[in-house]
Amino acid sequence: MAKDEKTRTTVEIHNRTYTIIGTEPQNHIKLVASLVDQKMNEIQEANRQLDTTRLAVLTAVNTMNDYLKLKEEYASLLGAMKKKDN
């Protein structure tokens, strides 16, 4: 498969089927979908009354929060490595 060639991958997230089109390998897309599904199930366990829209938004907020924390940690580690090299 060429680097920029798009593929279709069918995944299931929160009991719904989605077709995702992208350039990432299918196993990567399936992993991402699985992690989203897991996070949605985790949040729903703690908040049974949430409708699907609110559940999806909370999942996105939680995921972005985790992403930003990791990004900050990464930047901090890079800074520490640069200090050590100097």
N, C-alpha and C. Protein backbone atom coordinates (compact mmCIF):
# COMPACT_ATOMS: atom_id res chain seq x y z
N MET A 1 0.85 -1.19 0.00
CA MET A 1 0.00 0.00 0.00
C MET A 1 0.89 1.24 0.00
N ALA A 2 0.59 2.18 -0.87
CA ALA A 2 1.34 3.43 -0.95
C ALA A 2 1.13 4.23 0.33
N LYS A 3 2.09 5.08 0.65
CA LYS A 3 2.07 5.84 1.90
C LYS A 3 0.79 6.66 2.09
N ASP A 4 0.32 7.31 1.05
CA ASP A 4 -0.86 8.17 1.17
C ASP A 4 -2.15 7.51 0.68
N GLU A 5 -2.09 6.22 0.40
CA GLU A 5 -3.28 5.52 -0.08
C GLU A 5 -4.26 5.32 1.08
N LYS A 6 -5.50 5.67 0.84
CA LYS A 6 -6.52 5.56 1.88
C LYS A 6 -7.19 4.20 1.84
N THR A 7 -7.49 3.69 3.01
CA THR A 7 -8.21 2.42 3.11
C THR A 7 -9.46 2.63 3.97
N ARG A 8 -10.39 1.72 3.81
CA ARG A 8 -11.62 1.73 4.61
C ARG A 8 -11.49 0.63 5.66
N THR A 9 -11.79 0.99 6.90
CA THR A 9 -11.76 0.02 7.98
C THR A 9 -13.08 0.12 8.73
N THR A 10 -13.74 -1.01 8.90
CA THR A 10 -15.00 -1.03 9.62
C THR A 10 -14.72 -1.43 11.07
N VAL A 11 -15.23 -0.62 12.00
CA VAL A 11 -15.01 -0.85 13.43
C VAL A 11 -16.34 -0.72 14.16
N GLU A 12 -16.35 -1.23 15.38
CA GLU A 12 -17.53 -1.07 16.22
C GLU A 12 -17.13 -0.29 17.47
N ILE A 13 -17.87 0.79 17.72
CA ILE A 13 -17.64 1.61 18.90
C ILE A 13 -18.99 1.82 19.57
N HIS A 14 -19.07 1.43 20.81
CA HIS A 14 -20.29 1.58 21.61
C HIS A 14 -21.51 1.01 20.89
N ASN A 15 -21.32 -0.23 20.42
CA ASN A 15 -22.39 -0.99 19.75
C ASN A 15 -22.90 -0.36 18.44
N ARG A 16 -22.08 0.47 17.84
CA ARG A 16 -22.42 1.05 16.53
C ARG A 16 -21.26 0.79 15.57
N THR A 17 -21.60 0.56 14.32
CA THR A 17 -20.59 0.29 13.32
C THR A 17 -20.23 1.57 12.58
N TYR A 18 -18.93 1.77 12.41
CA TYR A 18 -18.41 2.95 11.69
C TYR A 18 -17.42 2.48 10.65
N THR A 19 -17.40 3.16 9.52
CA THR A 19 -16.37 2.94 8.51
C THR A 19 -15.44 4.13 8.55
N ILE A 20 -14.19 3.85 8.86
CA ILE A 20 -13.19 4.91 8.98
C ILE A 20 -12.29 4.85 7.76
N ILE A 21 -12.12 5.98 7.12
CA ILE A 21 -11.27 6.07 5.93
C ILE A 21 -10.03 6.86 6.31
N GLY A 22 -8.87 6.28 6.05
CA GLY A 22 -7.64 6.98 6.40
C GLY A 22 -6.41 6.29 5.84
N THR A 23 -5.27 6.90 6.08
CA THR A 23 -4.01 6.38 5.57
C THR A 23 -3.28 5.51 6.60
N GLU A 24 -3.77 5.48 7.82
CA GLU A 24 -3.14 4.66 8.85
C GLU A 24 -3.41 3.18 8.56
N PRO A 25 -2.52 2.29 9.01
CA PRO A 25 -2.76 0.86 8.82
C PRO A 25 -4.06 0.43 9.54
N GLN A 26 -4.72 -0.57 8.99
CA GLN A 26 -5.98 -1.02 9.56
C GLN A 26 -5.84 -1.46 11.01
N ASN A 27 -4.73 -2.12 11.36
CA ASN A 27 -4.56 -2.55 12.75
C ASN A 27 -4.47 -1.35 13.70
N HIS A 28 -3.91 -0.25 13.23
CA HIS A 28 -3.84 0.97 14.05
C HIS A 28 -5.24 1.56 14.25
N ILE A 29 -6.00 1.62 13.19
CA ILE A 29 -7.37 2.17 13.27
C ILE A 29 -8.22 1.30 14.19
N LYS A 30 -8.09 -0.01 14.10
CA LYS A 30 -8.84 -0.91 14.97
C LYS A 30 -8.43 -0.76 16.43
N LEU A 31 -7.15 -0.53 16.67
CA LEU A 31 -6.68 -0.31 18.05
C LEU A 31 -7.26 0.98 18.60
N VAL A 32 -7.22 2.04 17.82
CA VAL A 32 -7.78 3.33 18.26
C VAL A 32 -9.27 3.17 18.57
N ALA A 33 -10.00 2.52 17.68
CA ALA A 33 -11.44 2.31 17.89
C ALA A 33 -11.69 1.49 19.15
N SER A 34 -10.87 0.49 19.38
CA SER A 34 -11.01 -0.34 20.57
C SER A 34 -10.78 0.47 21.85
N LEU A 35 -9.79 1.35 21.82
CA LEU A 35 -9.50 2.19 22.98
C LEU A 35 -10.62 3.19 23.24
N VAL A 36 -11.20 3.74 22.17
CA VAL A 36 -12.34 4.65 22.32
C VAL A 36 -13.52 3.89 22.93
N ASP A 37 -13.77 2.70 22.42
CA ASP A 37 -14.86 1.87 22.94
C ASP A 37 -14.65 1.56 24.42
N GLN A 38 -13.44 1.20 24.78
CA GLN A 38 -13.12 0.90 26.19
C GLN A 38 -13.36 2.12 27.07
N LYS A 39 -12.90 3.28 26.62
CA LYS A 39 -13.06 4.52 27.40
C LYS A 39 -14.54 4.86 27.55
N MET A 40 -15.31 4.71 26.48
CA MET A 40 -16.74 4.99 26.56
C MET A 40 -17.43 4.05 27.55
N ASN A 41 -17.06 2.77 27.51
CA ASN A 41 -17.64 1.81 28.45
C ASN A 41 -17.26 2.14 29.89
N GLU A 42 -16.02 2.53 30.10
CA GLU A 42 -15.53 2.92 31.43
C GLU A 42 -16.32 4.11 31.98
N ILE A 43 -16.51 5.12 31.16
CA ILE A 43 -17.24 6.32 31.59
C ILE A 43 -18.72 5.98 31.81
N GLN A 44 -19.28 5.15 30.95
CA GLN A 44 -20.69 4.79 31.10
C GLN A 44 -20.92 4.00 32.38
N GLU A 45 -19.98 3.16 32.77
CA GLU A 45 -20.11 2.40 34.02
C GLU A 45 -20.26 3.33 35.21
N ALA A 46 -19.55 4.45 35.18
CA ALA A 46 -19.61 5.40 36.29
C ALA A 46 -20.78 6.38 36.17
N ASN A 47 -21.36 6.50 34.98
CA ASN A 47 -22.43 7.47 34.72
C ASN A 47 -23.51 6.83 33.86
N ARG A 48 -24.26 5.94 34.42
CA ARG A 48 -25.26 5.17 33.67
C ARG A 48 -26.33 6.03 32.99
N GLN A 49 -26.60 7.22 33.51
CA GLN A 49 -27.67 8.06 32.99
C GLN A 49 -27.29 8.83 31.74
N LEU A 50 -26.04 8.81 31.33
CA LEU A 50 -25.59 9.60 30.18
C LEU A 50 -26.17 9.08 28.87
N ASP A 51 -26.65 10.01 28.04
CA ASP A 51 -27.05 9.61 26.70
C ASP A 51 -25.78 9.50 25.84
N THR A 52 -25.93 8.98 24.65
CA THR A 52 -24.77 8.71 23.79
C THR A 52 -23.99 9.98 23.45
N THR A 53 -24.69 11.07 23.21
CA THR A 53 -24.00 12.32 22.86
C THR A 53 -23.14 12.81 24.01
N ARG A 54 -23.70 12.86 25.20
CA ARG A 54 -22.93 13.32 26.37
C ARG A 54 -21.79 12.35 26.67
N LEU A 55 -22.05 11.07 26.51
CA LEU A 55 -21.00 10.07 26.72
C LEU A 55 -19.85 10.28 25.74
N ALA A 56 -20.18 10.55 24.48
CA ALA A 56 -19.14 10.78 23.47
C ALA A 56 -18.33 12.04 23.78
N VAL A 57 -19.02 13.10 24.23
CA VAL A 57 -18.32 14.35 24.56
C VAL A 57 -17.41 14.13 25.77
N LEU A 58 -17.90 13.46 26.80
CA LEU A 58 -17.06 13.19 27.97
C LEU A 58 -15.87 12.31 27.61
N THR A 59 -16.08 11.37 26.72
CA THR A 59 -14.97 10.52 26.26
C THR A 59 -13.93 11.36 25.53
N ALA A 60 -14.38 12.27 24.67
CA ALA A 60 -13.45 13.15 23.95
C ALA A 60 -12.69 14.05 24.92
N VAL A 61 -13.39 14.62 25.90
CA VAL A 61 -12.74 15.50 26.88
C VAL A 61 -11.71 14.72 27.69
N ASN A 62 -12.07 13.54 28.17
CA ASN A 62 -11.14 12.72 28.93
C ASN A 62 -9.92 12.33 28.10
N THR A 63 -10.16 11.96 26.86
CA THR A 63 -9.07 11.54 25.98
C THR A 63 -8.13 12.71 25.68
N MET A 64 -8.70 13.90 25.43
CA MET A 64 -7.87 15.07 25.15
C MET A 64 -7.07 15.46 26.40
N ASN A 65 -7.68 15.33 27.57
CA ASN A 65 -6.98 15.61 28.81
C ASN A 65 -5.77 14.68 28.96
N ASP A 66 -5.99 13.39 28.71
CA ASP A 66 -4.88 12.43 28.77
C ASP A 66 -3.80 12.77 27.76
N TYR A 67 -4.21 13.15 26.55
CA TYR A 67 -3.26 13.51 25.50
C TYR A 67 -2.41 14.72 25.91
N LEU A 68 -3.05 15.75 26.44
CA LEU A 68 -2.31 16.95 26.85
C LEU A 68 -1.34 16.66 27.98
N LYS A 69 -1.75 15.82 28.92
CA LYS A 69 -0.84 15.44 30.01
C LYS A 69 0.38 14.71 29.45
N LEU A 70 0.16 13.78 28.54
CA LEU A 70 1.28 13.06 27.93
C LEU A 70 2.19 13.98 27.13
N LYS A 71 1.57 14.93 26.43
CA LYS A 71 2.35 15.89 25.64
C LYS A 71 3.23 16.75 26.55
N GLU A 72 2.69 17.18 27.69
CA GLU A 72 3.45 17.96 28.66
C GLU A 72 4.59 17.13 29.25
N GLU A 73 4.30 15.86 29.57
CA GLU A 73 5.33 14.97 30.10
C GLU A 73 6.45 14.78 29.08
N TYR A 74 6.07 14.60 27.83
CA TYR A 74 7.04 14.42 26.76
C TYR A 74 7.94 15.65 26.62
N ALA A 75 7.31 16.83 26.63
CA ALA A 75 8.08 18.08 26.52
C ALA A 75 9.03 18.21 27.71
N SER A 76 8.56 17.84 28.88
CA SER A 76 9.39 17.92 30.08
C SER A 76 10.59 16.96 29.99
N LEU A 77 10.32 15.75 29.49
CA LEU A 77 11.42 14.78 29.32
C LEU A 77 12.42 15.25 28.28
N LEU A 78 11.93 15.82 27.18
CA LEU A 78 12.84 16.35 26.17
C LEU A 78 13.71 17.47 26.76
N GLY A 79 13.08 18.34 27.55
CA GLY A 79 13.84 19.41 28.20
C GLY A 79 14.89 18.88 29.14
N ALA A 80 14.55 17.85 29.90
CA ALA A 80 15.52 17.23 30.82
C ALA A 80 16.66 16.60 30.06
N MET A 81 16.36 15.95 28.92
CA MET A 81 17.39 15.34 28.12
C MET A 81 18.34 16.38 27.53
N LYS A 82 17.77 17.50 27.08
CA LYS A 82 18.61 18.57 26.52
C LYS A 82 19.52 19.17 27.59
N LYS A 83 19.00 19.35 28.80
CA LYS A 83 19.83 19.86 29.90
C LYS A 83 20.96 18.91 30.20
N LYS A 84 20.65 17.62 30.18
CA LYS A 84 21.65 16.61 30.49
C LYS A 84 22.76 16.59 29.43
N ASP A 85 22.37 16.81 28.16
CA ASP A 85 23.34 16.82 27.06
C ASP A 85 24.25 18.04 27.11
N ASN A 86 23.78 19.13 27.72
CA ASN A 86 24.58 20.37 27.75
C ASN A 86 25.52 20.37 28.89
